[in-house]
């Protein structure tokens, strides 16, 4: 029997962007056993995916050889290295099967950042680059978006949380639709200014939306700055990955930077307004095959980084500072019209 390992250890967006490949493999080879391999903390992103037979996780500080032992017990015939890291390279040595990977375009990315010379051949999304690893399995993109499947427990907890705060459907005075705001990012240059987020929340309230700030525990302080004026509620640090996905699924629109939340939103079918600053479409991480509007400014200094940095190299941060709250509100209106 065909048994395929799909290896991607991190991060949120990268993992969700592998799900079009998971879906395509399941449709092309319905008899195959598909086994996803990832970090334990990120397993909820794929744990309820019906196309997968199993999810095998790497525990914190667990030696790769232990993971390899468990994977060999699955009897794999094929391995798809969708990460291209030292850890996944070690698995390729320790687990015998037919392995294949994909090209990360590191040279093209480095040239574009350092010299602004674009040597990418077309703008191929990362979700489609992953299919390079599955060429031997006769699998191609089907044109569909990422998929983030949610368990019943997550949807029920979010429904209860919203109801307790008067934010469920039919509650909350004007009864407006939910807007999820994701102001956090691992690196500062990917963050839209806090004052802009506050102004956006107020404008959305005027337009009839009820805003909820989402994010991890590290975003609680940022979220409190946004909710101080009463234009938004905070769910930052309140929810698990799946619960955050359930909140996004109930939102009429999601506003996010170039972060994992953006891909979580596309995975649950929520329309997204995405704010892109230091990164560009050539890197492959724009919202994939989903209702979305991308806001960005064409500047000679973009891109300046692949993942964002602590400070703007030129000190002005115009790539995001030049996107006004009014621009985002207009994008929301276009998207949900």
Protein backbone atom coordinates (compact mmCIF):
# COMPACT_ATOMS: atom_id res chain seq x y z
CA UNK A 1 0.00 0.00 0.00
CA UNK A 2 1.12 3.52 -0.77
CA UNK A 3 2.17 5.29 2.45
CA UNK A 4 3.30 8.90 2.12
CA UNK A 5 5.04 10.95 4.80
CA UNK A 6 4.51 14.71 4.54
CA UNK A 7 7.15 16.49 6.62
CA UNK A 8 6.73 20.12 7.64
CA UNK A 9 7.72 21.04 11.20
CA UNK A 10 6.77 24.75 11.21
CA UNK A 11 5.40 27.41 11.02
CA UNK A 12 1.65 28.12 11.04
CA UNK A 13 1.37 29.55 7.54
CA UNK A 14 3.83 27.13 5.99
CA UNK A 15 1.94 24.14 7.38
CA UNK A 16 -1.46 25.36 6.23
CA UNK A 17 -0.06 26.04 2.77
CA UNK A 18 0.78 22.33 2.46
CA UNK A 19 -2.90 21.38 2.79
CA UNK A 20 -3.75 21.87 -0.90
CA UNK A 21 -1.11 19.20 -1.58
CA UNK A 22 -2.61 16.94 1.10
CA UNK A 23 -6.04 17.30 -0.50
CA UNK A 24 -4.74 16.68 -4.01
CA UNK A 25 -2.83 13.57 -2.93
CA UNK A 26 -5.92 12.15 -1.22
CA UNK A 27 -8.00 12.67 -4.36
CA UNK A 28 -5.38 11.31 -6.75
CA UNK A 29 -4.52 8.33 -4.51
CA UNK A 30 -7.60 7.58 -2.39
CA UNK A 31 -6.10 4.26 -1.29
CA UNK A 32 -2.93 5.87 0.08
CA UNK A 33 -2.10 6.30 3.76
CA UNK A 34 -1.08 9.93 4.27
CA UNK A 35 0.93 10.63 7.42
CA UNK A 36 1.73 14.21 8.45
CA UNK A 37 4.91 14.88 10.44
CA UNK A 38 5.19 18.12 12.42
CA UNK A 39 5.97 19.62 15.82
CA UNK A 40 3.60 18.69 18.61
CA UNK A 41 2.61 22.30 19.29
CA UNK A 42 1.47 22.80 15.70
CA UNK A 43 -0.32 19.47 15.26
CA UNK A 44 -3.78 21.07 15.81
CA UNK A 45 -3.40 22.72 12.41
CA UNK A 46 -3.77 19.32 10.74
CA UNK A 47 -5.10 17.00 13.46
CA UNK A 48 -8.70 17.15 12.17
CA UNK A 49 -7.81 17.03 8.48
CA UNK A 50 -9.93 14.15 7.08
CA UNK A 51 -7.45 13.48 4.27
CA UNK A 52 -4.79 12.33 6.74
CA UNK A 53 -4.59 8.85 8.21
CA UNK A 54 -2.28 9.95 11.02
CA UNK A 55 -0.33 12.87 12.44
CA UNK A 56 3.04 11.98 13.98
CA UNK A 57 4.53 14.70 16.14
CA UNK A 58 7.98 15.67 17.32
CA UNK A 59 8.00 16.50 21.02
CA UNK A 60 10.13 19.36 22.37
CA UNK A 61 13.76 18.28 22.75
CA UNK A 62 12.99 14.83 21.29
CA UNK A 63 15.90 13.37 19.30
CA UNK A 64 15.14 12.99 15.60
CA UNK A 65 16.21 9.36 15.73
CA UNK A 66 13.27 8.63 18.05
CA UNK A 67 10.88 10.26 15.60
CA UNK A 68 12.48 8.29 12.77
CA UNK A 69 11.88 5.03 14.63
CA UNK A 70 8.17 5.78 14.88
CA UNK A 71 7.99 6.79 11.25
CA UNK A 72 9.68 3.59 10.08
CA UNK A 73 6.92 1.68 11.89
CA UNK A 74 4.40 3.34 9.54
CA UNK A 75 5.93 1.46 6.60
CA UNK A 76 6.40 4.53 4.36
CA UNK A 77 6.86 4.09 0.62
CA UNK A 78 7.36 7.81 -0.10
CA UNK A 79 8.56 10.80 1.87
CA UNK A 80 7.87 14.41 0.90
CA UNK A 81 10.31 16.82 2.53
CA UNK A 82 8.30 20.05 2.59
CA UNK A 83 10.64 21.78 5.00
CA UNK A 84 14.18 21.51 3.67
CA UNK A 85 15.83 21.84 7.10
CA UNK A 86 18.64 19.99 8.82
CA UNK A 87 16.05 18.08 10.84
CA UNK A 88 14.11 16.96 7.77
CA UNK A 89 17.39 16.08 6.05
CA UNK A 90 18.21 13.83 8.99
CA UNK A 91 14.86 12.07 8.57
CA UNK A 92 15.69 11.43 4.93
CA UNK A 93 18.78 9.55 6.07
CA UNK A 94 17.11 7.68 8.92
CA UNK A 95 13.84 6.65 7.24
CA UNK A 96 14.28 4.60 4.09
CA UNK A 97 11.74 5.31 1.36
CA UNK A 98 11.52 7.35 -1.84
CA UNK A 99 12.19 10.90 -0.75
CA UNK A 100 11.63 14.10 -2.73
CA UNK A 101 11.70 17.79 -1.88
CA UNK A 102 11.07 21.19 -3.42
CA UNK A 103 13.23 24.19 -4.31
CA UNK A 104 13.10 27.02 -1.77
CA UNK A 105 14.45 29.64 -4.24
CA UNK A 106 16.90 30.94 -1.65
CA UNK A 107 19.24 32.50 -4.21
CA UNK A 108 16.43 34.34 -5.99
CA UNK A 109 15.12 35.58 -2.64
CA UNK A 110 18.57 36.78 -1.53
CA UNK A 111 19.18 38.59 -4.82
CA UNK A 112 15.81 40.32 -4.66
CA UNK A 113 16.41 41.50 -1.10
CA UNK A 114 20.01 42.60 -1.52
CA UNK A 115 20.07 43.92 -5.11
CA UNK A 116 16.36 44.21 -6.06
CA UNK A 117 17.14 42.01 -9.06
CA UNK A 118 14.11 39.79 -9.71
CA UNK A 119 15.25 36.39 -10.96
CA UNK A 120 12.07 34.54 -10.01
CA UNK A 121 10.55 32.80 -13.00
CA UNK A 122 6.94 33.72 -12.48
CA UNK A 123 5.23 34.31 -9.17
CA UNK A 124 4.52 30.77 -8.03
CA UNK A 125 2.86 30.55 -4.60
CA UNK A 126 4.57 28.38 -2.00
CA UNK A 127 1.45 26.21 -1.86
CA UNK A 128 2.16 25.22 -5.48
CA UNK A 129 5.93 24.94 -5.03
CA UNK A 130 5.28 22.14 -2.55
CA UNK A 131 3.85 20.10 -5.42
CA UNK A 132 7.38 19.76 -6.82
CA UNK A 133 7.95 17.15 -4.14
CA UNK A 134 4.97 15.13 -5.42
CA UNK A 135 5.86 15.00 -9.10
CA UNK A 136 6.54 11.28 -8.83
CA UNK A 137 3.01 10.81 -7.48
CA UNK A 138 1.31 12.46 -10.46
CA UNK A 139 -0.31 15.15 -8.32
CA UNK A 140 -1.13 18.71 -9.37
CA UNK A 141 -2.82 21.74 -7.75
CA UNK A 142 -6.59 21.67 -7.94
CA UNK A 143 -7.12 25.44 -7.69
CA UNK A 144 -8.57 25.25 -4.18
CA UNK A 145 -7.50 27.14 -1.05
CA UNK A 146 -5.74 25.89 2.08
CA UNK A 147 -7.88 23.95 4.54
CA UNK A 148 -7.93 24.34 8.32
CA UNK A 149 -10.35 21.81 9.78
CA UNK A 150 -11.76 22.51 13.24
CA UNK A 151 -12.92 20.20 15.99
CA UNK A 152 -16.34 20.60 17.58
CA UNK A 153 -14.85 21.53 20.93
CA UNK A 154 -13.11 24.56 19.44
CA UNK A 155 -16.22 25.88 17.72
CA UNK A 156 -18.32 25.40 20.85
CA UNK A 157 -15.85 27.20 23.13
CA UNK A 158 -15.68 30.20 20.78
CA UNK A 159 -19.47 30.35 20.55
CA UNK A 160 -19.68 30.43 24.35
CA UNK A 161 -16.95 33.09 24.61
CA UNK A 162 -18.69 35.35 22.10
CA UNK A 163 -22.09 34.90 23.73
CA UNK A 164 -20.69 35.75 27.16
CA UNK A 165 -19.45 39.08 25.79
CA UNK A 166 -22.54 39.93 23.81
CA UNK A 167 -20.71 39.37 20.53
CA UNK A 168 -22.65 36.39 19.21
CA UNK A 169 -24.95 36.77 16.20
CA UNK A 170 -27.95 38.84 17.12
CA UNK A 171 -26.27 40.39 20.17
CA UNK A 172 -24.38 43.58 20.77
CA UNK A 173 -26.68 46.51 20.14
CA UNK A 174 -26.23 47.28 16.45
CA UNK A 175 -25.73 43.57 15.81
CA UNK A 176 -22.94 44.19 13.36
CA UNK A 177 -20.74 41.51 11.85
CA UNK A 178 -17.51 40.43 13.51
CA UNK A 179 -14.18 41.78 12.29
CA UNK A 180 -11.08 39.95 13.52
CA UNK A 181 -7.97 42.11 13.85
CA UNK A 182 -4.51 40.52 14.05
CA UNK A 183 -2.00 43.27 14.91
CA UNK A 184 0.81 41.01 16.13
CA UNK A 185 3.85 39.71 14.26
CA UNK A 186 7.09 38.10 15.33
CA UNK A 187 9.15 40.95 13.85
CA UNK A 188 8.47 44.66 14.25
CA UNK A 189 8.71 45.61 10.58
CA UNK A 190 5.74 43.36 9.81
CA UNK A 191 3.55 45.26 12.30
CA UNK A 192 1.23 48.04 11.22
CA UNK A 193 1.44 50.99 13.68
CA UNK A 194 -0.64 50.51 16.84
CA UNK A 195 -2.30 53.91 16.43
CA UNK A 196 -3.50 52.81 12.99
CA UNK A 197 -5.06 49.66 14.43
CA UNK A 198 -6.89 51.74 17.04
CA UNK A 199 -8.17 54.10 14.37
CA UNK A 200 -9.25 51.13 12.24
CA UNK A 201 -11.21 49.60 15.13
CA UNK A 202 -13.04 52.90 15.64
CA UNK A 203 -13.82 53.26 11.93
CA UNK A 204 -15.08 49.69 11.78
CA UNK A 205 -17.32 50.33 14.78
CA UNK A 206 -18.77 53.33 12.98
CA UNK A 207 -19.36 51.09 9.95
CA UNK A 208 -21.29 48.61 12.13
CA UNK A 209 -18.61 46.00 12.84
CA UNK A 210 -17.74 44.48 16.21
CA UNK A 211 -13.97 44.02 16.30
CA UNK A 212 -12.12 41.29 18.18
CA UNK A 213 -8.33 41.32 18.51
CA UNK A 214 -6.72 37.90 18.03
CA UNK A 215 -3.20 36.70 18.76
CA UNK A 216 -1.07 34.72 21.16
CA UNK A 217 -0.14 35.43 24.78
CA UNK A 218 2.71 37.64 23.54
CA UNK A 219 0.13 39.95 21.91
CA UNK A 220 -1.89 40.68 25.06
CA UNK A 221 -0.17 44.00 25.74
CA UNK A 222 -0.65 45.13 22.17
CA UNK A 223 -4.31 44.06 22.24
CA UNK A 224 -4.95 46.04 25.43
CA UNK A 225 -3.81 49.19 23.67
CA UNK A 226 -6.42 48.59 21.00
CA UNK A 227 -9.32 47.81 23.32
CA UNK A 228 -8.67 50.75 25.67
CA UNK A 229 -11.03 52.95 23.68
CA UNK A 230 -13.84 50.41 23.72
CA UNK A 231 -13.91 49.88 19.96
CA UNK A 232 -12.73 46.27 20.20
CA UNK A 233 -12.65 43.24 22.49
CA UNK A 234 -9.52 41.19 23.08
CA UNK A 235 -9.14 37.44 22.53
CA UNK A 236 -5.33 37.62 22.46
CA UNK A 237 -3.89 34.76 24.47
CA UNK A 238 -7.35 33.35 25.17
CA UNK A 239 -7.57 30.66 22.53
CA UNK A 240 -5.76 27.62 21.16
CA UNK A 241 -4.85 27.42 17.49
CA UNK A 242 -8.11 25.68 16.62
CA UNK A 243 -10.17 28.06 18.73
CA UNK A 244 -8.56 31.02 17.00
CA UNK A 245 -9.48 29.39 13.71
CA UNK A 246 -13.08 29.01 14.93
CA UNK A 247 -13.24 32.71 15.76
CA UNK A 248 -11.86 33.61 12.35
CA UNK A 249 -14.44 31.35 10.73
CA UNK A 250 -17.22 33.37 12.38
CA UNK A 251 -15.76 36.70 11.25
CA UNK A 252 -17.14 38.64 8.32
CA UNK A 253 -13.63 39.90 7.60
CA UNK A 254 -10.10 39.47 8.97
CA UNK A 255 -7.42 42.16 8.86
CA UNK A 256 -3.89 40.84 9.29
CA UNK A 257 -0.30 41.40 8.39
CA UNK A 258 1.87 38.80 6.67
CA UNK A 259 1.48 36.29 9.50
CA UNK A 260 0.11 32.86 10.29
CA UNK A 261 -3.30 34.32 11.20
CA UNK A 262 -3.71 35.41 7.58
CA UNK A 263 -3.30 31.81 6.41
CA UNK A 264 -5.53 30.50 9.20
CA UNK A 265 -8.23 32.83 7.92
CA UNK A 266 -7.92 31.63 4.33
CA UNK A 267 -7.99 28.05 5.65
CA UNK A 268 -11.42 28.57 7.25
CA UNK A 269 -12.84 30.60 4.37
CA UNK A 270 -12.81 34.03 6.02
CA UNK A 271 -12.21 37.02 3.70
CA UNK A 272 -8.87 38.70 4.45
CA UNK A 273 -7.43 42.17 4.06
CA UNK A 274 -3.68 41.56 4.23
CA UNK A 275 -1.09 44.27 4.95
CA UNK A 276 2.30 43.56 3.38
CA UNK A 277 5.36 45.62 4.24
CA UNK A 278 8.93 44.24 4.04
CA UNK A 279 7.91 41.10 2.10
CA UNK A 280 6.61 40.75 -1.45
CA UNK A 281 4.53 38.42 -3.60
CA UNK A 282 7.55 36.73 -5.20
CA UNK A 283 8.33 35.04 -1.88
CA UNK A 284 5.12 33.06 -2.36
CA UNK A 285 3.14 33.79 0.80
CA UNK A 286 0.29 36.01 -0.40
CA UNK A 287 -3.21 34.74 0.52
CA UNK A 288 -3.71 31.65 -1.62
CA UNK A 289 -6.86 30.98 -3.66
CA UNK A 290 -9.11 32.75 -1.18
CA UNK A 291 -11.20 35.96 -0.95
CA UNK A 292 -8.55 38.56 -0.16
CA UNK A 293 -7.30 42.07 -0.79
CA UNK A 294 -3.58 42.72 -0.38
CA UNK A 295 -2.52 46.27 0.51
CA UNK A 296 1.09 47.22 -0.16
CA UNK A 297 3.14 50.18 -1.30
CA UNK A 298 5.50 50.02 -4.25
CA UNK A 299 8.76 51.30 -2.83
CA UNK A 300 12.31 50.94 -4.13
CA UNK A 301 13.42 49.57 -0.76
CA UNK A 302 11.03 46.60 -0.85
CA UNK A 303 11.69 43.83 -0.11
CA UNK A 304 14.14 44.43 2.71
CA UNK A 305 13.74 41.08 4.46
CA UNK A 306 12.32 37.60 4.03
CA UNK A 307 10.69 37.41 7.46
CA UNK A 308 10.82 40.93 8.89
CA UNK A 309 13.37 42.59 11.19
CA UNK A 310 13.46 44.47 14.49
CA UNK A 311 13.76 47.88 12.83
CA UNK A 312 13.35 49.40 9.37
CA UNK A 313 16.80 49.46 7.71
CA UNK A 314 16.12 53.01 6.47
CA UNK A 315 14.37 54.21 9.60
CA UNK A 316 11.06 55.26 8.02
CA UNK A 317 8.93 52.06 7.82
CA UNK A 318 6.96 53.61 4.97
CA UNK A 319 6.02 50.21 3.56
CA UNK A 320 3.36 49.95 6.29
CA UNK A 321 3.18 53.50 7.64
CA UNK A 322 1.96 54.72 4.24
CA UNK A 323 -1.09 52.43 4.42
CA UNK A 324 -3.76 54.50 6.16
CA UNK A 325 -6.71 53.16 8.19
CA UNK A 326 -9.01 54.66 5.57
CA UNK A 327 -7.31 52.48 2.94
CA UNK A 328 -8.05 49.37 5.01
CA UNK A 329 -11.69 50.32 5.56
CA UNK A 330 -12.09 50.87 1.82
CA UNK A 331 -10.56 47.44 1.18
CA UNK A 332 -12.95 45.86 3.69
CA UNK A 333 -15.90 47.46 1.90
CA UNK A 334 -14.69 46.19 -1.48
CA UNK A 335 -14.10 42.71 -0.16
CA UNK A 336 -17.39 42.16 1.64
CA UNK A 337 -19.65 44.08 -0.73
